[in-house]
N, C-alpha and C. Protein backbone atom coordinates (compact mmCIF):
# COMPACT_ATOMS: atom_id res chain seq x y z
N UNK A 1 -9.22 -5.06 24.60
CA UNK A 1 -10.59 -4.78 24.22
C UNK A 1 -11.36 -6.04 23.92
N UNK A 2 -12.59 -5.86 23.65
CA UNK A 2 -13.50 -6.97 23.36
C UNK A 2 -13.27 -7.46 21.93
N UNK A 3 -13.22 -8.78 21.77
CA UNK A 3 -13.05 -9.37 20.45
C UNK A 3 -14.40 -9.39 19.74
N UNK A 4 -14.35 -9.18 18.44
CA UNK A 4 -15.58 -9.28 17.65
C UNK A 4 -15.91 -10.76 17.44
N UNK A 5 -17.14 -11.01 17.08
CA UNK A 5 -17.55 -12.38 16.78
C UNK A 5 -16.71 -12.95 15.64
N UNK A 6 -16.40 -12.11 14.66
CA UNK A 6 -15.59 -12.56 13.52
C UNK A 6 -14.18 -12.94 13.97
N UNK A 7 -13.58 -12.12 14.82
CA UNK A 7 -12.25 -12.46 15.35
C UNK A 7 -12.29 -13.79 16.08
N UNK A 8 -13.29 -13.98 16.90
CA UNK A 8 -13.42 -15.23 17.64
C UNK A 8 -13.55 -16.42 16.70
N UNK A 9 -14.37 -16.28 15.68
CA UNK A 9 -14.57 -17.38 14.73
C UNK A 9 -13.28 -17.70 13.99
N UNK A 10 -12.65 -16.67 13.41
CA UNK A 10 -11.46 -16.92 12.59
C UNK A 10 -10.23 -17.29 13.41
N UNK A 11 -10.04 -16.69 14.57
CA UNK A 11 -8.84 -16.97 15.38
C UNK A 11 -8.98 -18.18 16.28
N UNK A 12 -10.17 -18.47 16.75
CA UNK A 12 -10.36 -19.57 17.69
C UNK A 12 -10.99 -20.80 17.05
N UNK A 13 -12.13 -20.61 16.43
CA UNK A 13 -12.85 -21.76 15.89
C UNK A 13 -12.26 -22.27 14.59
N UNK A 14 -11.67 -21.38 13.77
CA UNK A 14 -11.03 -21.79 12.52
C UNK A 14 -9.51 -21.80 12.66
N UNK A 15 -9.02 -21.78 13.89
CA UNK A 15 -7.59 -21.70 14.18
C UNK A 15 -6.82 -22.80 13.43
N UNK A 16 -5.78 -22.40 12.72
CA UNK A 16 -4.95 -23.35 11.99
C UNK A 16 -5.53 -23.77 10.66
N UNK A 17 -6.72 -23.29 10.32
CA UNK A 17 -7.35 -23.68 9.05
C UNK A 17 -7.14 -22.65 7.95
N UNK A 18 -6.63 -21.48 8.29
CA UNK A 18 -6.47 -20.41 7.31
C UNK A 18 -5.06 -20.39 6.76
N UNK A 19 -4.93 -20.04 5.49
CA UNK A 19 -3.61 -19.96 4.85
C UNK A 19 -3.07 -18.53 4.87
N UNK A 20 -3.67 -17.67 5.68
CA UNK A 20 -3.25 -16.28 5.79
C UNK A 20 -3.51 -15.81 7.22
N UNK A 21 -2.91 -14.68 7.56
CA UNK A 21 -3.08 -14.10 8.89
C UNK A 21 -4.07 -12.94 8.77
N UNK A 22 -5.29 -13.09 9.29
CA UNK A 22 -6.26 -12.00 9.16
C UNK A 22 -5.90 -10.81 10.04
N UNK A 23 -6.27 -9.64 9.57
CA UNK A 23 -6.13 -8.39 10.32
C UNK A 23 -7.53 -7.87 10.57
N UNK A 24 -7.82 -7.49 11.80
CA UNK A 24 -9.16 -7.03 12.16
C UNK A 24 -9.14 -5.55 12.49
N UNK A 25 -10.02 -4.81 11.85
CA UNK A 25 -10.12 -3.38 12.08
C UNK A 25 -11.60 -3.04 12.27
N UNK A 26 -11.90 -2.43 13.38
CA UNK A 26 -13.27 -2.03 13.66
C UNK A 26 -13.48 -0.61 13.15
N UNK A 27 -14.49 -0.43 12.31
CA UNK A 27 -14.74 0.88 11.72
C UNK A 27 -16.01 1.50 12.27
N UNK A 28 -17.04 0.71 12.39
CA UNK A 28 -18.34 1.27 12.77
C UNK A 28 -19.14 0.21 13.52
N UNK A 29 -19.29 0.39 14.79
CA UNK A 29 -20.06 -0.58 15.58
C UNK A 29 -21.43 0.01 15.89
N UNK A 30 -22.32 -0.12 14.90
CA UNK A 30 -23.69 0.33 15.12
C UNK A 30 -24.61 -0.51 14.25
N UNK A 31 -25.85 -0.50 14.58
CA UNK A 31 -26.85 -1.20 13.79
C UNK A 31 -26.81 -0.65 12.37
N UNK A 32 -26.86 -1.53 11.38
CA UNK A 32 -26.73 -1.06 10.00
C UNK A 32 -27.85 -0.11 9.60
N UNK A 33 -29.00 -0.20 10.25
CA UNK A 33 -30.09 0.72 9.96
C UNK A 33 -29.77 2.15 10.40
N UNK A 34 -28.82 2.29 11.32
CA UNK A 34 -28.41 3.61 11.81
C UNK A 34 -27.24 4.20 11.02
N UNK A 35 -26.68 3.41 10.10
CA UNK A 35 -25.54 3.89 9.30
C UNK A 35 -26.00 4.94 8.30
N UNK A 36 -25.09 5.89 8.03
CA UNK A 36 -25.36 6.88 6.99
C UNK A 36 -24.12 6.95 6.09
N UNK A 37 -24.15 7.86 5.13
CA UNK A 37 -23.03 7.94 4.19
C UNK A 37 -21.73 8.39 4.84
N UNK A 38 -21.79 9.08 5.96
CA UNK A 38 -20.55 9.43 6.68
C UNK A 38 -19.87 8.15 7.18
N UNK A 39 -20.68 7.23 7.70
CA UNK A 39 -20.13 5.95 8.16
C UNK A 39 -19.56 5.16 6.98
N UNK A 40 -20.28 5.17 5.88
CA UNK A 40 -19.82 4.45 4.69
C UNK A 40 -18.53 5.07 4.14
N UNK A 41 -18.42 6.38 4.22
CA UNK A 41 -17.20 7.05 3.76
C UNK A 41 -16.02 6.68 4.66
N UNK A 42 -16.25 6.53 5.96
CA UNK A 42 -15.19 6.06 6.87
C UNK A 42 -14.73 4.67 6.46
N UNK A 43 -15.67 3.85 6.07
CA UNK A 43 -15.36 2.49 5.63
C UNK A 43 -14.49 2.52 4.37
N UNK A 44 -14.87 3.34 3.40
CA UNK A 44 -14.09 3.48 2.17
C UNK A 44 -12.67 3.96 2.51
N UNK A 45 -12.57 4.94 3.41
CA UNK A 45 -11.26 5.45 3.82
C UNK A 45 -10.41 4.34 4.44
N UNK A 46 -11.01 3.52 5.29
CA UNK A 46 -10.28 2.43 5.93
C UNK A 46 -9.85 1.37 4.92
N UNK A 47 -10.69 1.10 3.95
CA UNK A 47 -10.30 0.15 2.89
C UNK A 47 -9.08 0.69 2.15
N UNK A 48 -9.14 1.95 1.76
CA UNK A 48 -8.03 2.58 1.05
C UNK A 48 -6.75 2.54 1.90
N UNK A 49 -6.85 2.99 3.13
CA UNK A 49 -5.71 3.06 4.04
C UNK A 49 -5.11 1.69 4.32
N UNK A 50 -5.96 0.73 4.65
CA UNK A 50 -5.47 -0.56 5.11
C UNK A 50 -5.03 -1.49 3.99
N UNK A 51 -5.60 -1.36 2.79
CA UNK A 51 -5.08 -2.16 1.68
C UNK A 51 -3.66 -1.72 1.35
N UNK A 52 -3.37 -0.43 1.52
CA UNK A 52 -2.00 0.07 1.31
C UNK A 52 -1.09 -0.35 2.46
N UNK A 53 -1.54 -0.12 3.69
CA UNK A 53 -0.71 -0.40 4.86
C UNK A 53 -0.34 -1.88 4.96
N UNK A 54 -1.30 -2.76 4.70
CA UNK A 54 -1.06 -4.20 4.84
C UNK A 54 -0.71 -4.87 3.51
N UNK A 55 -0.58 -4.04 2.45
CA UNK A 55 -0.21 -4.55 1.13
C UNK A 55 -1.06 -5.73 0.72
N UNK A 56 -2.37 -5.52 0.75
CA UNK A 56 -3.31 -6.56 0.36
C UNK A 56 -4.37 -5.96 -0.55
N UNK A 57 -5.01 -6.81 -1.30
CA UNK A 57 -6.14 -6.36 -2.10
C UNK A 57 -7.39 -7.17 -1.74
N UNK A 58 -7.35 -7.85 -0.61
CA UNK A 58 -8.46 -8.69 -0.16
C UNK A 58 -9.09 -8.09 1.10
N UNK A 59 -10.40 -7.83 1.04
CA UNK A 59 -11.10 -7.22 2.16
C UNK A 59 -12.41 -7.97 2.39
N UNK A 60 -12.63 -8.39 3.63
CA UNK A 60 -13.92 -8.95 4.04
C UNK A 60 -14.50 -8.01 5.09
N UNK A 61 -15.75 -7.64 4.89
CA UNK A 61 -16.43 -6.73 5.81
C UNK A 61 -17.64 -7.44 6.39
N UNK A 62 -17.72 -7.50 7.71
CA UNK A 62 -18.95 -8.00 8.33
C UNK A 62 -19.87 -6.80 8.53
N UNK A 63 -21.12 -7.00 8.23
CA UNK A 63 -22.06 -5.88 8.14
C UNK A 63 -23.45 -6.38 8.46
N UNK A 64 -24.26 -5.54 9.04
CA UNK A 64 -25.66 -5.87 9.26
C UNK A 64 -26.37 -6.10 7.93
N UNK A 65 -27.27 -7.06 7.92
CA UNK A 65 -27.89 -7.46 6.66
C UNK A 65 -28.90 -6.44 6.13
N UNK A 66 -29.42 -5.56 6.98
CA UNK A 66 -30.46 -4.64 6.54
C UNK A 66 -29.98 -3.65 5.48
N UNK A 67 -28.74 -3.17 5.58
CA UNK A 67 -28.25 -2.18 4.61
C UNK A 67 -26.94 -2.61 3.96
N UNK A 68 -26.65 -3.90 4.00
CA UNK A 68 -25.42 -4.43 3.42
C UNK A 68 -25.31 -4.11 1.93
N UNK A 69 -26.39 -4.26 1.19
CA UNK A 69 -26.36 -4.01 -0.25
C UNK A 69 -26.07 -2.53 -0.51
N UNK A 70 -26.72 -1.66 0.22
CA UNK A 70 -26.50 -0.22 0.07
C UNK A 70 -25.04 0.14 0.32
N UNK A 71 -24.46 -0.42 1.36
CA UNK A 71 -23.05 -0.15 1.66
C UNK A 71 -22.14 -0.70 0.57
N UNK A 72 -22.43 -1.90 0.09
CA UNK A 72 -21.63 -2.47 -1.00
C UNK A 72 -21.64 -1.59 -2.23
N UNK A 73 -22.80 -1.09 -2.57
CA UNK A 73 -22.92 -0.21 -3.74
C UNK A 73 -22.21 1.11 -3.50
N UNK A 74 -22.26 1.62 -2.29
CA UNK A 74 -21.55 2.86 -1.96
C UNK A 74 -20.04 2.66 -2.15
N UNK A 75 -19.52 1.56 -1.61
CA UNK A 75 -18.09 1.27 -1.75
C UNK A 75 -17.73 1.15 -3.23
N UNK A 76 -18.55 0.44 -3.97
CA UNK A 76 -18.30 0.23 -5.39
C UNK A 76 -18.24 1.55 -6.16
N UNK A 77 -19.07 2.49 -5.78
CA UNK A 77 -19.12 3.79 -6.45
C UNK A 77 -18.02 4.75 -6.00
N UNK A 78 -17.48 4.56 -4.81
CA UNK A 78 -16.53 5.51 -4.23
C UNK A 78 -15.08 5.02 -4.20
N UNK A 79 -14.86 3.73 -4.41
CA UNK A 79 -13.52 3.15 -4.33
C UNK A 79 -13.25 2.41 -5.63
N UNK A 80 -12.15 2.74 -6.29
CA UNK A 80 -11.84 2.17 -7.60
C UNK A 80 -11.27 0.76 -7.45
N UNK A 81 -12.16 -0.21 -7.25
CA UNK A 81 -11.72 -1.59 -7.01
C UNK A 81 -11.04 -2.19 -8.23
N UNK A 82 -11.46 -1.81 -9.42
CA UNK A 82 -10.89 -2.41 -10.63
C UNK A 82 -9.44 -1.98 -10.82
N UNK A 83 -9.17 -0.68 -10.80
CA UNK A 83 -7.79 -0.22 -10.98
C UNK A 83 -6.90 -0.60 -9.80
N UNK A 84 -7.47 -0.66 -8.61
CA UNK A 84 -6.70 -1.07 -7.43
C UNK A 84 -6.59 -2.59 -7.34
N UNK A 85 -7.32 -3.29 -8.21
CA UNK A 85 -7.34 -4.76 -8.22
C UNK A 85 -7.70 -5.31 -6.86
N UNK A 86 -8.80 -4.79 -6.30
CA UNK A 86 -9.28 -5.20 -4.98
C UNK A 86 -10.52 -6.07 -5.09
N UNK A 87 -10.61 -6.99 -4.17
CA UNK A 87 -11.80 -7.81 -3.99
C UNK A 87 -12.34 -7.50 -2.60
N UNK A 88 -13.56 -6.98 -2.56
CA UNK A 88 -14.20 -6.63 -1.30
C UNK A 88 -15.45 -7.49 -1.20
N UNK A 89 -15.58 -8.22 -0.11
CA UNK A 89 -16.74 -9.08 0.11
C UNK A 89 -17.39 -8.71 1.43
N UNK A 90 -18.68 -8.39 1.37
CA UNK A 90 -19.45 -8.11 2.58
C UNK A 90 -20.25 -9.36 2.95
N UNK A 91 -20.31 -9.64 4.24
CA UNK A 91 -21.13 -10.75 4.72
C UNK A 91 -21.74 -10.36 6.05
N UNK A 92 -22.72 -11.09 6.45
CA UNK A 92 -23.39 -10.84 7.72
C UNK A 92 -24.08 -12.12 8.16
N UNK A 93 -25.07 -11.98 9.00
CA UNK A 93 -25.81 -13.15 9.43
C UNK A 93 -27.25 -12.76 9.75
N UNK A 94 -28.14 -13.69 9.48
CA UNK A 94 -29.54 -13.47 9.80
C UNK A 94 -29.76 -13.61 11.31
N UNK A 95 -28.95 -14.51 11.91
CA UNK A 95 -28.96 -14.69 13.36
C UNK A 95 -27.53 -14.42 13.85
N UNK A 96 -27.35 -13.55 14.83
CA UNK A 96 -26.00 -13.25 15.33
C UNK A 96 -25.24 -14.50 15.80
N UNK A 97 -23.92 -14.42 15.74
CA UNK A 97 -23.05 -15.55 16.06
C UNK A 97 -23.28 -16.11 17.46
N UNK A 98 -23.74 -15.29 18.39
CA UNK A 98 -23.92 -15.77 19.77
C UNK A 98 -25.11 -16.71 19.92
N UNK A 99 -25.97 -16.80 18.90
CA UNK A 99 -27.14 -17.66 18.97
C UNK A 99 -26.87 -19.02 18.35
N UNK A 100 -27.56 -20.03 18.88
CA UNK A 100 -27.51 -21.36 18.30
C UNK A 100 -28.12 -21.29 16.90
N UNK A 101 -27.62 -22.10 16.02
CA UNK A 101 -28.11 -22.15 14.63
C UNK A 101 -27.87 -20.85 13.87
N UNK A 102 -26.87 -20.09 14.28
CA UNK A 102 -26.50 -18.87 13.55
C UNK A 102 -25.86 -19.26 12.21
N UNK A 103 -26.09 -18.43 11.23
CA UNK A 103 -25.45 -18.61 9.93
C UNK A 103 -24.14 -17.82 9.83
N UNK A 104 -23.70 -17.21 10.92
CA UNK A 104 -22.50 -16.35 10.91
C UNK A 104 -21.26 -17.11 10.46
N UNK A 105 -20.98 -18.27 11.05
CA UNK A 105 -19.77 -19.02 10.70
C UNK A 105 -19.79 -19.43 9.23
N UNK A 106 -20.93 -19.88 8.76
CA UNK A 106 -21.08 -20.28 7.36
C UNK A 106 -20.79 -19.10 6.43
N UNK A 107 -21.38 -17.94 6.72
CA UNK A 107 -21.22 -16.78 5.85
C UNK A 107 -19.81 -16.21 5.91
N UNK A 108 -19.18 -16.22 7.09
CA UNK A 108 -17.79 -15.76 7.19
C UNK A 108 -16.87 -16.71 6.42
N UNK A 109 -17.12 -17.99 6.55
CA UNK A 109 -16.34 -18.97 5.79
C UNK A 109 -16.50 -18.79 4.29
N UNK A 110 -17.73 -18.58 3.85
CA UNK A 110 -17.98 -18.33 2.42
C UNK A 110 -17.27 -17.07 1.96
N UNK A 111 -17.36 -16.00 2.73
CA UNK A 111 -16.74 -14.73 2.35
C UNK A 111 -15.22 -14.85 2.30
N UNK A 112 -14.66 -15.57 3.27
CA UNK A 112 -13.21 -15.75 3.33
C UNK A 112 -12.71 -16.55 2.12
N UNK A 113 -13.44 -17.59 1.76
CA UNK A 113 -13.07 -18.37 0.57
C UNK A 113 -13.30 -17.56 -0.70
N UNK A 114 -14.43 -16.86 -0.75
CA UNK A 114 -14.79 -16.09 -1.95
C UNK A 114 -13.78 -15.02 -2.28
N UNK A 115 -13.34 -14.25 -1.28
CA UNK A 115 -12.43 -13.14 -1.55
C UNK A 115 -11.12 -13.67 -2.15
N UNK A 116 -10.68 -14.83 -1.72
CA UNK A 116 -9.45 -15.41 -2.26
C UNK A 116 -9.65 -15.94 -3.68
N UNK A 117 -10.78 -16.60 -3.91
CA UNK A 117 -11.08 -17.12 -5.24
C UNK A 117 -11.29 -15.99 -6.25
N UNK A 118 -11.99 -14.95 -5.83
CA UNK A 118 -12.21 -13.80 -6.71
C UNK A 118 -10.88 -13.19 -7.12
N UNK A 119 -9.96 -13.08 -6.17
CA UNK A 119 -8.65 -12.50 -6.48
C UNK A 119 -7.86 -13.41 -7.42
N UNK A 120 -7.91 -14.71 -7.18
CA UNK A 120 -7.18 -15.65 -8.02
C UNK A 120 -7.69 -15.64 -9.46
N UNK A 121 -8.98 -15.38 -9.63
CA UNK A 121 -9.57 -15.33 -10.97
C UNK A 121 -9.63 -13.91 -11.52
N UNK A 122 -8.99 -12.97 -10.81
CA UNK A 122 -8.93 -11.56 -11.19
C UNK A 122 -10.32 -10.97 -11.42
N UNK A 123 -11.24 -11.37 -10.58
CA UNK A 123 -12.62 -10.87 -10.63
C UNK A 123 -12.76 -9.79 -9.56
N UNK A 124 -12.24 -8.61 -9.86
CA UNK A 124 -12.19 -7.52 -8.88
C UNK A 124 -13.55 -6.83 -8.79
N UNK A 125 -13.89 -6.41 -7.58
CA UNK A 125 -15.17 -5.73 -7.39
C UNK A 125 -15.63 -5.84 -5.95
N UNK A 126 -16.90 -5.49 -5.76
CA UNK A 126 -17.53 -5.54 -4.45
C UNK A 126 -18.66 -6.56 -4.53
N UNK A 127 -18.66 -7.51 -3.60
CA UNK A 127 -19.58 -8.63 -3.63
C UNK A 127 -20.28 -8.81 -2.28
N UNK A 128 -21.41 -9.49 -2.32
CA UNK A 128 -22.15 -9.88 -1.12
C UNK A 128 -22.07 -11.40 -1.02
N UNK A 129 -21.63 -11.92 0.13
CA UNK A 129 -21.60 -13.37 0.36
C UNK A 129 -22.61 -13.69 1.45
N UNK A 130 -23.73 -14.21 1.02
CA UNK A 130 -24.81 -14.58 1.95
C UNK A 130 -25.54 -15.79 1.39
N UNK A 131 -26.03 -16.62 2.28
CA UNK A 131 -26.88 -17.75 1.90
C UNK A 131 -26.22 -18.69 0.90
N UNK A 132 -24.89 -18.84 1.01
CA UNK A 132 -24.18 -19.75 0.12
C UNK A 132 -23.96 -19.23 -1.28
N UNK A 133 -24.21 -17.94 -1.48
CA UNK A 133 -24.03 -17.32 -2.79
C UNK A 133 -23.06 -16.16 -2.67
N UNK A 134 -22.35 -15.89 -3.75
CA UNK A 134 -21.48 -14.71 -3.83
C UNK A 134 -21.94 -13.95 -5.06
N UNK A 135 -22.48 -12.74 -4.82
CA UNK A 135 -23.10 -11.97 -5.89
C UNK A 135 -22.51 -10.57 -5.95
N UNK A 136 -22.30 -10.03 -7.17
CA UNK A 136 -21.85 -8.64 -7.28
C UNK A 136 -22.88 -7.73 -6.61
N UNK A 137 -22.39 -6.73 -5.89
CA UNK A 137 -23.31 -5.88 -5.11
C UNK A 137 -24.31 -5.13 -5.98
N UNK A 138 -23.98 -4.93 -7.25
CA UNK A 138 -24.92 -4.25 -8.14
C UNK A 138 -25.90 -5.21 -8.80
N UNK A 139 -25.82 -6.48 -8.44
CA UNK A 139 -26.70 -7.49 -9.02
C UNK A 139 -27.29 -8.38 -7.93
N UNK A 140 -27.72 -7.77 -6.83
CA UNK A 140 -28.27 -8.55 -5.72
C UNK A 140 -29.41 -7.76 -5.09
N UNK A 141 -30.38 -8.49 -4.63
CA UNK A 141 -31.43 -7.89 -3.80
C UNK A 141 -31.85 -8.91 -2.75
N UNK A 142 -32.58 -8.44 -1.80
CA UNK A 142 -33.02 -9.30 -0.70
C UNK A 142 -34.51 -9.60 -0.88
N UNK A 143 -34.82 -10.88 -0.91
CA UNK A 143 -36.21 -11.30 -1.03
C UNK A 143 -36.97 -10.85 0.22
N UNK A 144 -37.97 -10.03 0.03
CA UNK A 144 -38.68 -9.46 1.19
C UNK A 144 -39.51 -10.49 1.94
N UNK A 145 -39.82 -11.61 1.30
CA UNK A 145 -40.63 -12.65 1.96
C UNK A 145 -39.84 -13.53 2.91
N UNK A 146 -38.57 -13.83 2.54
CA UNK A 146 -37.80 -14.75 3.39
C UNK A 146 -36.44 -14.20 3.83
N UNK A 147 -36.06 -13.00 3.36
CA UNK A 147 -34.80 -12.38 3.77
C UNK A 147 -33.57 -12.91 3.06
N UNK A 148 -33.75 -13.83 2.12
CA UNK A 148 -32.62 -14.44 1.42
C UNK A 148 -32.09 -13.48 0.35
N UNK A 149 -30.76 -13.41 0.22
CA UNK A 149 -30.13 -12.58 -0.78
C UNK A 149 -30.08 -13.37 -2.09
N UNK A 150 -30.56 -12.77 -3.15
CA UNK A 150 -30.66 -13.44 -4.46
C UNK A 150 -30.17 -12.52 -5.58
N UNK A 151 -29.87 -13.12 -6.71
CA UNK A 151 -29.45 -12.35 -7.87
C UNK A 151 -30.60 -11.52 -8.40
N UNK A 152 -30.29 -10.32 -8.85
CA UNK A 152 -31.30 -9.45 -9.44
C UNK A 152 -31.60 -9.86 -10.87
N UNK A 153 -30.69 -10.62 -11.48
CA UNK A 153 -30.90 -11.11 -12.85
C UNK A 153 -31.56 -12.47 -12.79
N UNK A 154 -32.59 -12.63 -13.51
CA UNK A 154 -33.28 -13.93 -13.53
C UNK A 154 -33.12 -14.62 -14.85
């Protein structure tokens, strides 16, 4: 099958730079604006299933930026990350990976580092990694003027 942009980045461009073997699972290939709670529930189910199957508590999800926060909050409300001691980080890109000057590699790198650091510091939860920041999904919003993800607390 066709490799995702994330698979290409982590397996080819970051080859030999990772201290773990990533597992890639495709759950929903649609524009995030077309996602609904059934799609989000499938995502929660896959997180539950695959954290058990692969004996991990680290999850990185690539997601469209338009509804990334909504999905993060859905996961946070439907999956017990604290008791399961899971770190879930959602990331995306303002410009897709196939374009020059895409932020995809930067954001995937940030999310990959963040999920490991969050786990090491026992900071379990659901986070958004965008624009060089890692923010809890319940404390983030997107600036409507420039599209940048920022903390809701000032």
